[in-house]
N, C-alpha and C. Protein backbone atom coordinates (compact mmCIF):
# COMPACT_ATOMS: atom_id res chain seq x y z
N MET A 1 -10.98 18.38 8.91
CA MET A 1 -10.68 17.53 7.77
C MET A 1 -10.52 16.09 8.26
N GLU A 2 -11.20 15.15 7.57
CA GLU A 2 -11.05 13.75 7.92
C GLU A 2 -9.62 13.30 7.64
N GLU A 3 -9.21 12.28 8.37
CA GLU A 3 -7.83 11.80 8.21
C GLU A 3 -7.53 11.40 6.77
N LYS A 4 -8.45 10.69 6.13
CA LYS A 4 -8.20 10.21 4.78
C LYS A 4 -8.06 11.37 3.79
N GLU A 5 -8.72 12.48 4.07
CA GLU A 5 -8.64 13.63 3.16
C GLU A 5 -7.23 14.22 3.09
N HIS A 6 -6.41 13.96 4.11
CA HIS A 6 -5.01 14.42 4.06
C HIS A 6 -4.28 13.83 2.86
N LEU A 7 -4.72 12.67 2.41
CA LEU A 7 -4.04 12.00 1.30
C LEU A 7 -4.30 12.69 -0.03
N ASN A 8 -5.34 13.49 -0.11
CA ASN A 8 -5.65 14.19 -1.36
C ASN A 8 -4.61 15.25 -1.73
N GLN A 9 -3.78 15.63 -0.77
CA GLN A 9 -2.76 16.64 -1.04
C GLN A 9 -1.61 16.11 -1.90
N PHE A 10 -1.51 14.81 -2.03
CA PHE A 10 -0.38 14.23 -2.75
C PHE A 10 -0.72 14.06 -4.22
N ARG A 11 -0.02 14.80 -5.07
CA ARG A 11 -0.16 14.77 -6.53
C ARG A 11 1.23 14.68 -7.11
N GLY A 12 1.53 13.58 -7.73
CA GLY A 12 2.89 13.38 -8.19
C GLY A 12 3.81 13.21 -6.99
N SER A 13 5.07 13.05 -7.23
CA SER A 13 6.02 12.91 -6.14
C SER A 13 7.40 13.30 -6.63
N GLU A 14 8.06 14.15 -5.88
CA GLU A 14 9.41 14.57 -6.23
C GLU A 14 10.48 13.74 -5.53
N LEU A 15 10.09 13.10 -4.44
CA LEU A 15 11.04 12.32 -3.65
C LEU A 15 10.61 10.86 -3.60
N ILE A 16 11.57 9.97 -3.54
CA ILE A 16 11.32 8.55 -3.36
C ILE A 16 12.03 8.13 -2.08
N TYR A 17 11.30 7.41 -1.24
CA TYR A 17 11.84 6.91 0.03
C TYR A 17 12.00 5.41 -0.08
N GLU A 18 12.91 4.88 0.71
CA GLU A 18 13.14 3.44 0.72
C GLU A 18 12.54 2.85 1.99
N HIS A 19 11.74 1.82 1.80
CA HIS A 19 11.17 1.08 2.93
C HIS A 19 11.96 -0.22 3.05
N LEU A 20 12.80 -0.29 4.06
CA LEU A 20 13.66 -1.46 4.25
C LEU A 20 12.91 -2.54 5.03
N MET A 21 13.14 -3.78 4.64
CA MET A 21 12.54 -4.91 5.34
C MET A 21 13.44 -6.11 5.13
N VAL A 22 13.19 -7.16 5.88
CA VAL A 22 13.99 -8.37 5.74
C VAL A 22 13.84 -8.88 4.31
N GLY A 23 14.94 -9.09 3.64
CA GLY A 23 14.91 -9.64 2.30
C GLY A 23 14.77 -8.64 1.18
N GLY A 24 14.77 -7.35 1.48
CA GLY A 24 14.68 -6.39 0.38
C GLY A 24 14.16 -5.04 0.81
N SER A 25 13.63 -4.32 -0.16
CA SER A 25 13.10 -2.99 0.11
C SER A 25 12.03 -2.65 -0.93
N LEU A 26 11.25 -1.63 -0.61
CA LEU A 26 10.26 -1.07 -1.53
C LEU A 26 10.56 0.41 -1.69
N ALA A 27 10.28 0.93 -2.86
CA ALA A 27 10.35 2.38 -3.08
C ALA A 27 8.98 2.96 -2.77
N LEU A 28 8.95 4.06 -2.00
CA LEU A 28 7.70 4.72 -1.62
C LEU A 28 7.71 6.16 -2.10
N THR A 29 6.59 6.60 -2.64
CA THR A 29 6.44 8.02 -2.97
C THR A 29 6.20 8.79 -1.68
N GLU A 30 6.10 10.10 -1.81
CA GLU A 30 5.85 10.95 -0.64
C GLU A 30 4.54 10.59 0.04
N GLY A 31 3.51 10.28 -0.73
CA GLY A 31 2.21 9.92 -0.15
C GLY A 31 2.28 8.63 0.64
N CYS A 32 2.91 7.62 0.09
CA CYS A 32 3.03 6.34 0.82
C CYS A 32 3.94 6.49 2.03
N HIS A 33 4.98 7.29 1.90
CA HIS A 33 5.85 7.58 3.04
C HIS A 33 5.03 8.25 4.16
N PHE A 34 4.16 9.19 3.81
CA PHE A 34 3.29 9.86 4.76
C PHE A 34 2.37 8.85 5.45
N VAL A 35 1.76 7.97 4.67
CA VAL A 35 0.87 6.95 5.24
C VAL A 35 1.64 6.06 6.20
N ARG A 36 2.79 5.59 5.77
CA ARG A 36 3.60 4.69 6.61
C ARG A 36 3.97 5.35 7.93
N ASP A 37 4.46 6.58 7.86
CA ASP A 37 4.96 7.24 9.06
C ASP A 37 3.87 7.82 9.96
N ASN A 38 2.84 8.42 9.36
CA ASN A 38 1.82 9.10 10.15
C ASN A 38 0.74 8.17 10.70
N TYR A 39 0.57 7.01 10.09
CA TYR A 39 -0.45 6.07 10.56
C TYR A 39 0.18 4.77 11.06
N SER A 40 1.48 4.80 11.34
CA SER A 40 2.21 3.62 11.84
C SER A 40 1.90 2.39 10.99
N ALA A 41 2.00 2.55 9.68
CA ALA A 41 1.64 1.48 8.76
C ALA A 41 2.87 0.79 8.16
N PHE A 42 3.93 0.70 8.93
CA PHE A 42 5.11 -0.04 8.47
C PHE A 42 4.70 -1.46 8.10
N TRP A 43 3.82 -2.03 8.92
CA TRP A 43 3.35 -3.41 8.71
C TRP A 43 2.68 -3.58 7.34
N LEU A 44 1.96 -2.55 6.87
CA LEU A 44 1.27 -2.64 5.59
C LEU A 44 2.27 -2.76 4.44
N PHE A 45 3.32 -1.99 4.49
CA PHE A 45 4.33 -2.06 3.43
C PHE A 45 5.20 -3.30 3.57
N ASP A 46 5.38 -3.79 4.80
CA ASP A 46 6.03 -5.09 4.99
C ASP A 46 5.20 -6.19 4.33
N LEU A 47 3.87 -6.12 4.51
CA LEU A 47 2.98 -7.12 3.92
C LEU A 47 3.07 -7.07 2.39
N ILE A 48 2.99 -5.88 1.82
CA ILE A 48 3.11 -5.74 0.35
C ILE A 48 4.45 -6.30 -0.11
N GLY A 49 5.50 -5.96 0.58
CA GLY A 49 6.84 -6.44 0.21
C GLY A 49 6.97 -7.94 0.33
N SER A 50 6.29 -8.53 1.31
CA SER A 50 6.42 -9.97 1.54
C SER A 50 5.86 -10.80 0.39
N TYR A 51 4.98 -10.24 -0.41
CA TYR A 51 4.39 -10.97 -1.53
C TYR A 51 5.12 -10.75 -2.85
N GLN A 52 6.14 -9.92 -2.88
CA GLN A 52 6.75 -9.56 -4.16
C GLN A 52 7.46 -10.71 -4.86
N SER A 53 7.97 -11.67 -4.13
CA SER A 53 8.59 -12.81 -4.83
C SER A 53 7.52 -13.62 -5.55
N LYS A 54 6.34 -13.71 -4.99
CA LYS A 54 5.22 -14.42 -5.61
C LYS A 54 4.65 -13.64 -6.80
N LEU A 55 4.74 -12.31 -6.74
CA LEU A 55 4.14 -11.44 -7.76
C LEU A 55 5.18 -10.81 -8.69
N SER A 56 6.33 -11.42 -8.80
CA SER A 56 7.44 -10.80 -9.54
C SER A 56 7.09 -10.47 -10.99
N GLY A 57 6.17 -11.17 -11.61
CA GLY A 57 5.80 -10.89 -12.99
C GLY A 57 4.72 -9.83 -13.15
N GLU A 58 4.24 -9.29 -12.04
CA GLU A 58 3.15 -8.31 -12.07
C GLU A 58 3.71 -6.90 -11.91
N ALA A 59 3.86 -6.18 -13.02
CA ALA A 59 4.43 -4.83 -12.98
C ALA A 59 3.46 -3.82 -12.38
N PHE A 60 2.15 -4.08 -12.47
CA PHE A 60 1.13 -3.17 -11.93
C PHE A 60 0.29 -3.94 -10.93
N GLN A 61 0.24 -3.44 -9.70
CA GLN A 61 -0.52 -4.09 -8.63
C GLN A 61 -1.40 -3.05 -7.94
N VAL A 62 -2.62 -3.44 -7.64
CA VAL A 62 -3.55 -2.58 -6.89
C VAL A 62 -3.81 -3.25 -5.55
N TRP A 63 -3.29 -2.65 -4.49
CA TRP A 63 -3.46 -3.16 -3.13
C TRP A 63 -4.58 -2.39 -2.45
N THR A 64 -5.57 -3.11 -1.92
CA THR A 64 -6.72 -2.50 -1.28
C THR A 64 -6.85 -3.04 0.14
N LEU A 65 -6.94 -2.13 1.09
CA LEU A 65 -7.21 -2.48 2.49
C LEU A 65 -8.63 -2.00 2.80
N ILE A 66 -9.47 -2.93 3.20
CA ILE A 66 -10.84 -2.60 3.59
C ILE A 66 -11.05 -3.05 5.02
N LYS A 67 -11.37 -2.08 5.87
CA LYS A 67 -11.58 -2.38 7.29
C LYS A 67 -12.89 -3.15 7.46
N SER A 68 -12.89 -4.03 8.44
CA SER A 68 -14.09 -4.77 8.79
C SER A 68 -14.22 -4.78 10.31
N SER A 69 -15.31 -5.32 10.79
CA SER A 69 -15.52 -5.33 12.25
C SER A 69 -14.48 -6.18 12.97
N ASP A 70 -13.88 -7.13 12.27
CA ASP A 70 -12.87 -7.98 12.91
C ASP A 70 -11.50 -7.81 12.27
N GLY A 71 -11.12 -6.58 11.94
CA GLY A 71 -9.79 -6.31 11.41
C GLY A 71 -9.85 -5.65 10.05
N ALA A 72 -9.23 -6.29 9.06
CA ALA A 72 -9.22 -5.74 7.70
C ALA A 72 -8.96 -6.86 6.71
N ASP A 73 -9.42 -6.64 5.50
CA ASP A 73 -9.13 -7.55 4.40
C ASP A 73 -8.26 -6.80 3.40
N ILE A 74 -7.19 -7.45 2.99
CA ILE A 74 -6.26 -6.85 2.04
C ILE A 74 -6.24 -7.73 0.80
N THR A 75 -6.41 -7.09 -0.35
CA THR A 75 -6.33 -7.82 -1.61
C THR A 75 -5.35 -7.11 -2.54
N CYS A 76 -4.80 -7.88 -3.44
CA CYS A 76 -3.97 -7.34 -4.50
C CYS A 76 -4.56 -7.82 -5.81
N GLU A 77 -4.85 -6.87 -6.69
CA GLU A 77 -5.36 -7.18 -8.03
C GLU A 77 -4.35 -6.72 -9.07
N ASN A 78 -4.52 -7.19 -10.28
CA ASN A 78 -3.60 -6.84 -11.36
C ASN A 78 -4.02 -5.60 -12.15
N GLY A 79 -5.06 -4.91 -11.71
CA GLY A 79 -5.55 -3.74 -12.43
C GLY A 79 -6.70 -4.06 -13.36
N ASN A 80 -6.94 -5.34 -13.60
CA ASN A 80 -8.05 -5.80 -14.43
C ASN A 80 -9.02 -6.66 -13.62
N LYS A 81 -9.08 -6.38 -12.32
CA LYS A 81 -9.99 -7.06 -11.39
C LYS A 81 -9.64 -8.52 -11.12
N LYS A 82 -8.48 -8.98 -11.56
CA LYS A 82 -8.05 -10.34 -11.25
C LYS A 82 -7.34 -10.32 -9.90
N VAL A 83 -7.89 -11.02 -8.91
CA VAL A 83 -7.29 -11.07 -7.58
C VAL A 83 -6.07 -11.97 -7.62
N LEU A 84 -4.95 -11.40 -7.19
CA LEU A 84 -3.68 -12.13 -7.17
C LEU A 84 -3.38 -12.67 -5.78
N VAL A 85 -3.76 -11.91 -4.76
CA VAL A 85 -3.47 -12.25 -3.36
C VAL A 85 -4.59 -11.68 -2.50
N SER A 86 -4.94 -12.40 -1.45
CA SER A 86 -5.85 -11.82 -0.44
C SER A 86 -5.43 -12.35 0.92
N GLN A 87 -5.62 -11.51 1.92
CA GLN A 87 -5.25 -11.89 3.28
C GLN A 87 -6.14 -11.14 4.26
N HIS A 88 -6.57 -11.85 5.29
CA HIS A 88 -7.33 -11.21 6.37
C HIS A 88 -6.36 -10.85 7.48
N ILE A 89 -6.48 -9.64 7.98
CA ILE A 89 -5.68 -9.17 9.11
C ILE A 89 -6.62 -9.14 10.32
N PRO A 90 -6.36 -9.92 11.35
CA PRO A 90 -7.32 -10.02 12.45
C PRO A 90 -7.46 -8.76 13.31
N PHE A 91 -6.45 -7.91 13.30
CA PHE A 91 -6.56 -6.66 14.06
C PHE A 91 -5.72 -5.59 13.38
N THR A 92 -6.29 -4.40 13.28
CA THR A 92 -5.52 -3.24 12.85
C THR A 92 -6.17 -1.99 13.43
N ASP A 93 -5.35 -1.02 13.77
CA ASP A 93 -5.88 0.27 14.19
C ASP A 93 -5.73 1.29 13.06
N PHE A 94 -5.44 0.82 11.84
CA PHE A 94 -5.37 1.72 10.70
C PHE A 94 -6.74 2.38 10.56
N PRO A 95 -6.81 3.70 10.37
CA PRO A 95 -8.07 4.41 10.54
C PRO A 95 -9.06 4.40 9.37
N PHE A 96 -8.68 3.93 8.18
CA PHE A 96 -9.61 4.02 7.05
C PHE A 96 -9.23 3.02 5.96
N ASP A 97 -10.14 2.83 5.00
CA ASP A 97 -9.85 2.02 3.82
C ASP A 97 -8.86 2.79 2.95
N ILE A 98 -8.02 2.05 2.24
CA ILE A 98 -7.02 2.72 1.40
C ILE A 98 -6.67 1.85 0.20
N ILE A 99 -6.30 2.51 -0.89
CA ILE A 99 -5.79 1.83 -2.08
C ILE A 99 -4.37 2.32 -2.32
N ILE A 100 -3.47 1.38 -2.56
CA ILE A 100 -2.07 1.68 -2.88
C ILE A 100 -1.74 0.96 -4.17
N TRP A 101 -1.18 1.69 -5.10
CA TRP A 101 -0.72 1.07 -6.34
C TRP A 101 0.77 0.76 -6.21
N LYS A 102 1.18 -0.32 -6.81
CA LYS A 102 2.61 -0.61 -6.95
C LYS A 102 2.88 -0.71 -8.44
N VAL A 103 3.65 0.25 -8.94
CA VAL A 103 3.92 0.35 -10.37
C VAL A 103 5.43 0.27 -10.59
N GLU A 104 5.85 -0.76 -11.32
CA GLU A 104 7.28 -0.93 -11.63
C GLU A 104 8.16 -0.78 -10.41
N GLY A 105 7.74 -1.38 -9.29
CA GLY A 105 8.57 -1.39 -8.09
C GLY A 105 8.37 -0.25 -7.12
N THR A 106 7.50 0.72 -7.43
CA THR A 106 7.28 1.86 -6.54
C THR A 106 5.84 1.86 -6.04
N CYS A 107 5.68 1.98 -4.74
CA CYS A 107 4.35 2.11 -4.13
C CYS A 107 3.93 3.58 -4.15
N LEU A 108 2.69 3.83 -4.59
CA LEU A 108 2.20 5.20 -4.66
C LEU A 108 0.70 5.23 -4.42
N LEU A 109 0.22 6.40 -4.03
CA LEU A 109 -1.22 6.62 -3.92
C LEU A 109 -1.75 6.88 -5.32
N PRO A 110 -2.99 6.47 -5.62
CA PRO A 110 -3.53 6.68 -6.97
C PRO A 110 -3.42 8.12 -7.46
N GLY A 111 -3.58 9.11 -6.59
CA GLY A 111 -3.47 10.51 -6.99
C GLY A 111 -2.06 10.94 -7.37
N GLU A 112 -1.07 10.12 -7.06
CA GLU A 112 0.31 10.46 -7.37
C GLU A 112 0.74 9.93 -8.74
N TYR A 113 -0.12 9.19 -9.40
CA TYR A 113 0.23 8.58 -10.68
C TYR A 113 0.33 9.62 -11.76
């Protein structure tokens, strides 16, 4: 099974985890908690959290990480294809492209909605 296929097991979420960072925290579903812990992606949720003061009026956010030959590109859209934030990451060992939704303060995988 490919690594990304492990994420298909997450449907809904019974538990919410807290991702602590300087200046606040994010709520994570079981799927996002799995991504953070199993792929050492604390930095990804720190990045999402770091933009929340700028995006405070956006209740629905679509965060997309797309790997490239020189790192990864991360964008945040509002769900209607309007780009709110974009950032290039010069290096990452994250193994695949991923989409994370942030809905009303909770980060989740699309299959958990």
